[in-house]
Amino acid sequence: MSESKPGPPPADPLIDEVRQRRRELYASCDNDLNKLAEAIRQIEAERPEKLWDPRAEKRRSPRRPSDRA
């Protein structure tokens, strides 16, 4: 018996769009990771209400399947 190699995963338009936007964002920073990180920090400073702080979340016990409605 011959083993067949798995082919590439099927195309997913959403994943393709995310990857394309990532490439565009990185290119807009001259493909420089430090510039990208600085741009992200700048956006975070301008819009702190958009950030999620896990420390601000109340600790909850995991829900059991029987708790779900």
PDB file of N, CA and C in Angstrom:
ATOM      1  N   MET A   1       0.832  -1.169   0.000  1.00  0.00           N
ATOM      2  CA  MET A   1       0.000   0.000   0.000  1.00  0.00           C
ATOM      3  C   MET A   1       0.885   1.244   0.000  1.00  0.00           C
ATOM      4  N   SER A   2       0.497   2.204  -0.760  1.00  0.00           N
ATOM      5  CA  SER A   2       1.246   3.452  -0.771  1.00  0.00           C
ATOM      6  C   SER A   2       0.520   4.470   0.108  1.00  0.00           C
ATOM      7  N   GLU A   3       1.321   5.238   0.821  1.00  0.00           N
ATOM      8  CA  GLU A   3       0.740   6.261   1.682  1.00  0.00           C
ATOM      9  C   GLU A   3       0.592   7.544   0.888  1.00  0.00           C
ATOM     10  N   SER A   4      -0.575   8.171   0.980  1.00  0.00           N
ATOM     11  CA  SER A   4      -0.775   9.432   0.283  1.00  0.00           C
ATOM     12  C   SER A   4      -0.514  10.577   1.250  1.00  0.00           C
ATOM     13  N   LYS A   5       0.115  11.612   0.732  1.00  0.00           N
ATOM     14  CA  LYS A   5       0.387  12.784   1.549  1.00  0.00           C
ATOM     15  C   LYS A   5      -0.867  13.643   1.581  1.00  0.00           C
ATOM     16  N   PRO A   6      -1.148  14.200   2.743  1.00  0.00           N
ATOM     17  CA  PRO A   6      -2.331  15.065   2.806  1.00  0.00           C
ATOM     18  C   PRO A   6      -2.099  16.317   1.963  1.00  0.00           C
ATOM     19  N   GLY A   7      -3.124  16.736   1.281  1.00  0.00           N
ATOM     20  CA  GLY A   7      -3.034  17.932   0.460  1.00  0.00           C
ATOM     21  C   GLY A   7      -3.185  19.181   1.308  1.00  0.00           C
ATOM     22  N   PRO A   8      -3.091  20.317   0.669  1.00  0.00           N
ATOM     23  CA  PRO A   8      -3.261  21.560   1.423  1.00  0.00           C
ATOM     24  C   PRO A   8      -4.689  21.664   1.941  1.00  0.00           C
ATOM     25  N   PRO A   9      -4.867  22.359   3.052  1.00  0.00           N
ATOM     26  CA  PRO A   9      -6.227  22.501   3.580  1.00  0.00           C
ATOM     27  C   PRO A   9      -7.079  23.299   2.595  1.00  0.00           C
ATOM     28  N   PRO A  10      -8.375  23.098   2.628  1.00  0.00           N
ATOM     29  CA  PRO A  10      -9.247  23.846   1.723  1.00  0.00           C
ATOM     30  C   PRO A  10      -9.156  25.348   1.994  1.00  0.00           C
ATOM     31  N   ALA A  11      -9.335  26.117   0.962  1.00  0.00           N
ATOM     32  CA  ALA A  11      -9.261  27.574   1.087  1.00  0.00           C
ATOM     33  C   ALA A  11     -10.402  28.083   1.965  1.00  0.00           C
ATOM     34  N   ASP A  12     -10.100  29.071   2.773  1.00  0.00           N
ATOM     35  CA  ASP A  12     -11.095  29.695   3.636  1.00  0.00           C
ATOM     36  C   ASP A  12     -11.009  31.197   3.399  1.00  0.00           C
ATOM     37  N   PRO A  13     -12.027  31.798   2.804  1.00  0.00           N
ATOM     38  CA  PRO A  13     -11.965  33.224   2.472  1.00  0.00           C
ATOM     39  C   PRO A  13     -11.698  34.122   3.676  1.00  0.00           C
ATOM     40  N   LEU A  14     -12.241  33.789   4.829  1.00  0.00           N
ATOM     41  CA  LEU A  14     -12.026  34.606   6.012  1.00  0.00           C
ATOM     42  C   LEU A  14     -10.554  34.563   6.441  1.00  0.00           C
ATOM     43  N   ILE A  15      -9.994  33.376   6.478  1.00  0.00           N
ATOM     44  CA  ILE A  15      -8.582  33.225   6.848  1.00  0.00           C
ATOM     45  C   ILE A  15      -7.705  33.942   5.828  1.00  0.00           C
ATOM     46  N   ASP A  16      -8.035  33.811   4.552  1.00  0.00           N
ATOM     47  CA  ASP A  16      -7.267  34.495   3.507  1.00  0.00           C
ATOM     48  C   ASP A  16      -7.305  36.007   3.698  1.00  0.00           C
ATOM     49  N   GLU A  17      -8.464  36.551   4.056  1.00  0.00           N
ATOM     50  CA  GLU A  17      -8.584  37.992   4.261  1.00  0.00           C
ATOM     51  C   GLU A  17      -7.773  38.441   5.470  1.00  0.00           C
ATOM     52  N   VAL A  18      -7.818  37.684   6.557  1.00  0.00           N
ATOM     53  CA  VAL A  18      -7.044  38.024   7.754  1.00  0.00           C
ATOM     54  C   VAL A  18      -5.558  38.037   7.420  1.00  0.00           C
ATOM     55  N   ARG A  19      -5.106  37.030   6.691  1.00  0.00           N
ATOM     56  CA  ARG A  19      -3.689  36.970   6.313  1.00  0.00           C
ATOM     57  C   ARG A  19      -3.301  38.124   5.405  1.00  0.00           C
ATOM     58  N   GLN A  20      -4.175  38.480   4.476  1.00  0.00           N
ATOM     59  CA  GLN A  20      -3.890  39.598   3.573  1.00  0.00           C
ATOM     60  C   GLN A  20      -3.804  40.908   4.348  1.00  0.00           C
ATOM     61  N   ARG A  21      -4.724  41.118   5.255  1.00  0.00           N
ATOM     62  CA  ARG A  21      -4.697  42.354   6.056  1.00  0.00           C
ATOM     63  C   ARG A  21      -3.461  42.399   6.948  1.00  0.00           C
ATOM     64  N   ARG A  22      -3.044  41.258   7.466  1.00  0.00           N
ATOM     65  CA  ARG A  22      -1.823  41.204   8.268  1.00  0.00           C
ATOM     66  C   ARG A  22      -0.618  41.596   7.422  1.00  0.00           C
ATOM     67  N   ARG A  23      -0.552  41.065   6.200  1.00  0.00           N
ATOM     68  CA  ARG A  23       0.553  41.429   5.303  1.00  0.00           C
ATOM     69  C   ARG A  23       0.549  42.919   5.000  1.00  0.00           C
ATOM     70  N   GLU A  24      -0.638  43.484   4.765  1.00  0.00           N
ATOM     71  CA  GLU A  24      -0.744  44.913   4.466  1.00  0.00           C
ATOM     72  C   GLU A  24      -0.315  45.768   5.663  1.00  0.00           C
ATOM     73  N   LEU A  25      -0.740  45.378   6.852  1.00  0.00           N
ATOM     74  CA  LEU A  25      -0.379  46.122   8.050  1.00  0.00           C
ATOM     75  C   LEU A  25       1.135  46.075   8.268  1.00  0.00           C
ATOM     76  N   TYR A  26       1.709  44.914   8.121  1.00  0.00           N
ATOM     77  CA  TYR A  26       3.149  44.760   8.300  1.00  0.00           C
ATOM     78  C   TYR A  26       3.901  45.565   7.239  1.00  0.00           C
ATOM     79  N   ALA A  27       3.428  45.544   6.011  1.00  0.00           N
ATOM     80  CA  ALA A  27       4.067  46.309   4.937  1.00  0.00           C
ATOM     81  C   ALA A  27       3.967  47.809   5.202  1.00  0.00           C
ATOM     82  N   SER A  28       2.859  48.252   5.817  1.00  0.00           N
ATOM     83  CA  SER A  28       2.704  49.676   6.107  1.00  0.00           C
ATOM     84  C   SER A  28       3.711  50.146   7.149  1.00  0.00           C
ATOM     85  N   CYS A  29       4.322  49.206   7.850  1.00  0.00           N
ATOM     86  CA  CYS A  29       5.362  49.524   8.839  1.00  0.00           C
ATOM     87  C   CYS A  29       6.738  49.154   8.293  1.00  0.00           C
ATOM     88  N   ASP A  30       6.860  49.142   6.961  1.00  0.00           N
ATOM     89  CA  ASP A  30       8.124  48.813   6.291  1.00  0.00           C
ATOM     90  C   ASP A  30       8.653  47.433   6.672  1.00  0.00           C
ATOM     91  N   ASN A  31       7.743  46.517   6.984  1.00  0.00           N
ATOM     92  CA  ASN A  31       8.101  45.156   7.374  1.00  0.00           C
ATOM     93  C   ASN A  31       9.084  45.148   8.548  1.00  0.00           C
ATOM     94  N   ASP A  32       8.904  46.095   9.442  1.00  0.00           N
ATOM     95  CA  ASP A  32       9.762  46.244  10.618  1.00  0.00           C
ATOM     96  C   ASP A  32       8.927  45.946  11.859  1.00  0.00           C
ATOM     97  N   LEU A  33       9.286  44.882  12.550  1.00  0.00           N
ATOM     98  CA  LEU A  33       8.503  44.449  13.709  1.00  0.00           C
ATOM     99  C   LEU A  33       8.496  45.502  14.809  1.00  0.00           C
ATOM    100  N   ASN A  34       9.590  46.210  15.004  1.00  0.00           N
ATOM    101  CA  ASN A  34       9.623  47.263  16.026  1.00  0.00           C
ATOM    102  C   ASN A  34       8.665  48.396  15.674  1.00  0.00           C
ATOM    103  N   LYS A  35       8.595  48.771  14.402  1.00  0.00           N
ATOM    104  CA  LYS A  35       7.657  49.818  13.980  1.00  0.00           C
ATOM    105  C   LYS A  35       6.222  49.355  14.162  1.00  0.00           C
ATOM    106  N   LEU A  36       5.969  48.097  13.866  1.00  0.00           N
ATOM    107  CA  LEU A  36       4.626  47.547  14.054  1.00  0.00           C
ATOM    108  C   LEU A  36       4.236  47.581  15.533  1.00  0.00           C
ATOM    109  N   ALA A  37       5.156  47.164  16.399  1.00  0.00           N
ATOM    110  CA  ALA A  37       4.869  47.173  17.837  1.00  0.00           C
ATOM    111  C   ALA A  37       4.610  48.595  18.323  1.00  0.00           C
ATOM    112  N   GLU A  38       5.379  49.555  17.840  1.00  0.00           N
ATOM    113  CA  GLU A  38       5.175  50.951  18.235  1.00  0.00           C
ATOM    114  C   GLU A  38       3.819  51.452  17.738  1.00  0.00           C
ATOM    115  N   ALA A  39       3.431  51.080  16.523  1.00  0.00           N
ATOM    116  CA  ALA A  39       2.128  51.490  15.987  1.00  0.00           C
ATOM    117  C   ALA A  39       1.000  50.907  16.837  1.00  0.00           C
ATOM    118  N   ILE A  40       1.151  49.671  17.270  1.00  0.00           N
ATOM    119  CA  ILE A  40       0.131  49.040  18.115  1.00  0.00           C
ATOM    120  C   ILE A  40       0.046  49.760  19.460  1.00  0.00           C
ATOM    121  N   ARG A  41       1.204  50.074  20.059  1.00  0.00           N
ATOM    122  CA  ARG A  41       1.202  50.801  21.334  1.00  0.00           C
ATOM    123  C   ARG A  41       0.543  52.170  21.183  1.00  0.00           C
ATOM    124  N   GLN A  42       0.770  52.825  20.058  1.00  0.00           N
ATOM    125  CA  GLN A  42       0.169  54.140  19.812  1.00  0.00           C
ATOM    126  C   GLN A  42      -1.359  54.022  19.742  1.00  0.00           C
ATOM    127  N   ILE A  43      -1.842  53.025  19.023  1.00  0.00           N
ATOM    128  CA  ILE A  43      -3.288  52.806  18.914  1.00  0.00           C
ATOM    129  C   ILE A  43      -3.877  52.505  20.293  1.00  0.00           C
ATOM    130  N   GLU A  44      -3.186  51.673  21.072  1.00  0.00           N
ATOM    131  CA  GLU A  44      -3.667  51.345  22.415  1.00  0.00           C
ATOM    132  C   GLU A  44      -3.740  52.596  23.296  1.00  0.00           C
ATOM    133  N   ALA A  45      -2.755  53.484  23.167  1.00  0.00           N
ATOM    134  CA  ALA A  45      -2.743  54.710  23.966  1.00  0.00           C
ATOM    135  C   ALA A  45      -3.891  55.640  23.568  1.00  0.00           C
ATOM    136  N   GLU A  46      -4.213  55.654  22.281  1.00  0.00           N
ATOM    137  CA  GLU A  46      -5.291  56.518  21.795  1.00  0.00           C
ATOM    138  C   GLU A  46      -6.673  55.974  22.123  1.00  0.00           C
ATOM    139  N   ARG A  47      -6.805  54.659  22.237  1.00  0.00           N
ATOM    140  CA  ARG A  47      -8.124  54.044  22.443  1.00  0.00           C
ATOM    141  C   ARG A  47      -8.102  53.041  23.594  1.00  0.00           C
ATOM    142  N   PRO A  48      -7.796  53.474  24.818  1.00  0.00           N
ATOM    143  CA  PRO A  48      -7.694  52.506  25.923  1.00  0.00           C
ATOM    144  C   PRO A  48      -9.007  51.783  26.215  1.00  0.00           C
ATOM    145  N   GLU A  49     -10.131  52.387  25.849  1.00  0.00           N
ATOM    146  CA  GLU A  49     -11.424  51.727  26.105  1.00  0.00           C
ATOM    147  C   GLU A  49     -11.608  50.473  25.259  1.00  0.00           C
ATOM    148  N   LYS A  50     -10.797  50.312  24.230  1.00  0.00           N
ATOM    149  CA  LYS A  50     -10.907  49.142  23.366  1.00  0.00           C
ATOM    150  C   LYS A  50     -10.089  47.956  23.875  1.00  0.00           C
ATOM    151  N   LEU A  51      -9.287  48.191  24.899  1.00  0.00           N
ATOM    152  CA  LEU A  51      -8.433  47.131  25.433  1.00  0.00           C
ATOM    153  C   LEU A  51      -9.198  46.272  26.417  1.00  0.00           C
ATOM    154  N   TRP A  52      -8.836  45.010  26.478  1.00  0.00           N
ATOM    155  CA  TRP A  52      -9.435  44.080  27.419  1.00  0.00           C
ATOM    156  C   TRP A  52      -8.404  43.781  28.491  1.00  0.00           C
ATOM    157  N   ASP A  53      -8.781  43.961  29.732  1.00  0.00           N
ATOM    158  CA  ASP A  53      -7.896  43.686  30.844  1.00  0.00           C
ATOM    159  C   ASP A  53      -8.434  42.477  31.592  1.00  0.00           C
ATOM    160  N   PRO A  54      -7.753  41.350  31.473  1.00  0.00           N
ATOM    161  CA  PRO A  54      -8.267  40.148  32.140  1.00  0.00           C
ATOM    162  C   PRO A  54      -8.301  40.287  33.657  1.00  0.00           C
ATOM    163  N   ARG A  55      -7.480  41.173  34.223  1.00  0.00           N
ATOM    164  CA  ARG A  55      -7.484  41.377  35.673  1.00  0.00           C
ATOM    165  C   ARG A  55      -8.758  42.067  36.126  1.00  0.00           C
ATOM    166  N   ALA A  56      -9.417  42.761  35.208  1.00  0.00           N
ATOM    167  CA  ALA A  56     -10.650  43.469  35.553  1.00  0.00           C
ATOM    168  C   ALA A  56     -11.858  42.533  35.569  1.00  0.00           C
ATOM    169  N   GLU A  57     -11.720  41.384  34.992  1.00  0.00           N
ATOM    170  CA  GLU A  57     -12.818  40.418  34.950  1.00  0.00           C
ATOM    171  C   GLU A  57     -12.978  39.763  36.322  1.00  0.00           C
ATOM    172  N   LYS A  58     -14.208  39.558  36.705  1.00  0.00           N
ATOM    173  CA  LYS A  58     -14.464  38.837  37.941  1.00  0.00           C
ATOM    174  C   LYS A  58     -14.189  37.363  37.695  1.00  0.00           C
ATOM    175  N   ARG A  59     -13.624  36.754  38.681  1.00  0.00           N
ATOM    176  CA  ARG A  59     -13.379  35.312  38.557  1.00  0.00           C
ATOM    177  C   ARG A  59     -14.701  34.574  38.716  1.00  0.00           C
ATOM    178  N   ARG A  60     -14.948  33.707  37.766  1.00  0.00           N
ATOM    179  CA  ARG A  60     -16.169  32.908  37.829  1.00  0.00           C
ATOM    180  C   ARG A  60     -15.773  31.447  37.775  1.00  0.00           C
ATOM    181  N   SER A  61     -16.549  30.640  38.415  1.00  0.00           N
ATOM    182  CA  SER A  61     -16.291  29.214  38.311  1.00  0.00           C
ATOM    183  C   SER A  61     -16.799  28.746  36.955  1.00  0.00           C
ATOM    184  N   PRO A  62     -16.162  27.745  36.389  1.00  0.00           N
ATOM    185  CA  PRO A  62     -16.620  27.253  35.087  1.00  0.00           C
ATOM    186  C   PRO A  62     -18.056  26.759  35.158  1.00  0.00           C
ATOM    187  N   ARG A  63     -18.766  27.002  34.090  1.00  0.00           N
ATOM    188  CA  ARG A  63     -20.162  26.556  34.053  1.00  0.00           C
ATOM    189  C   ARG A  63     -20.205  25.080  33.716  1.00  0.00           C
ATOM    190  N   ARG A  64     -21.105  24.419  34.380  1.00  0.00           N
ATOM    191  CA  ARG A  64     -21.315  23.012  34.071  1.00  0.00           C
ATOM    192  C   ARG A  64     -22.333  22.911  32.937  1.00  0.00           C
ATOM    193  N   PRO A  65     -22.263  21.843  32.155  1.00  0.00           N
ATOM    194  CA  PRO A  65     -23.237  21.696  31.061  1.00  0.00           C
ATOM    195  C   PRO A  65     -24.679  21.789  31.540  1.00  0.00           C
ATOM    196  N   SER A  66     -24.965  21.345  32.766  1.00  0.00           N
ATOM    197  CA  SER A  66     -26.339  21.394  33.269  1.00  0.00           C
ATOM    198  C   SER A  66     -26.767  22.813  33.604  1.00  0.00           C
ATOM    199  N   ASP A  67     -25.801  23.771  33.718  1.00  0.00           N
ATOM    200  CA  ASP A  67     -26.137  25.156  34.016  1.00  0.00           C
ATOM    201  C   ASP A  67     -26.601  25.916  32.794  1.00  0.00           C
ATOM    202  N   ARG A  68     -26.326  25.389  31.634  1.00  0.00           N
ATOM    203  CA  ARG A  68     -26.664  26.112  30.398  1.00  0.00           C
ATOM    204  C   ARG A  68     -28.140  25.997  30.102  1.00  0.00           C
ATOM    205  N   ALA A  69     -28.695  27.078  29.648  1.00  0.00           N
ATOM    206  CA  ALA A  69     -30.138  27.083  29.343  1.00  0.00           C
ATOM    207  C   ALA A  69     -30.409  26.612  27.941  1.00  0.00           C
TER     208      ALA A  69
END
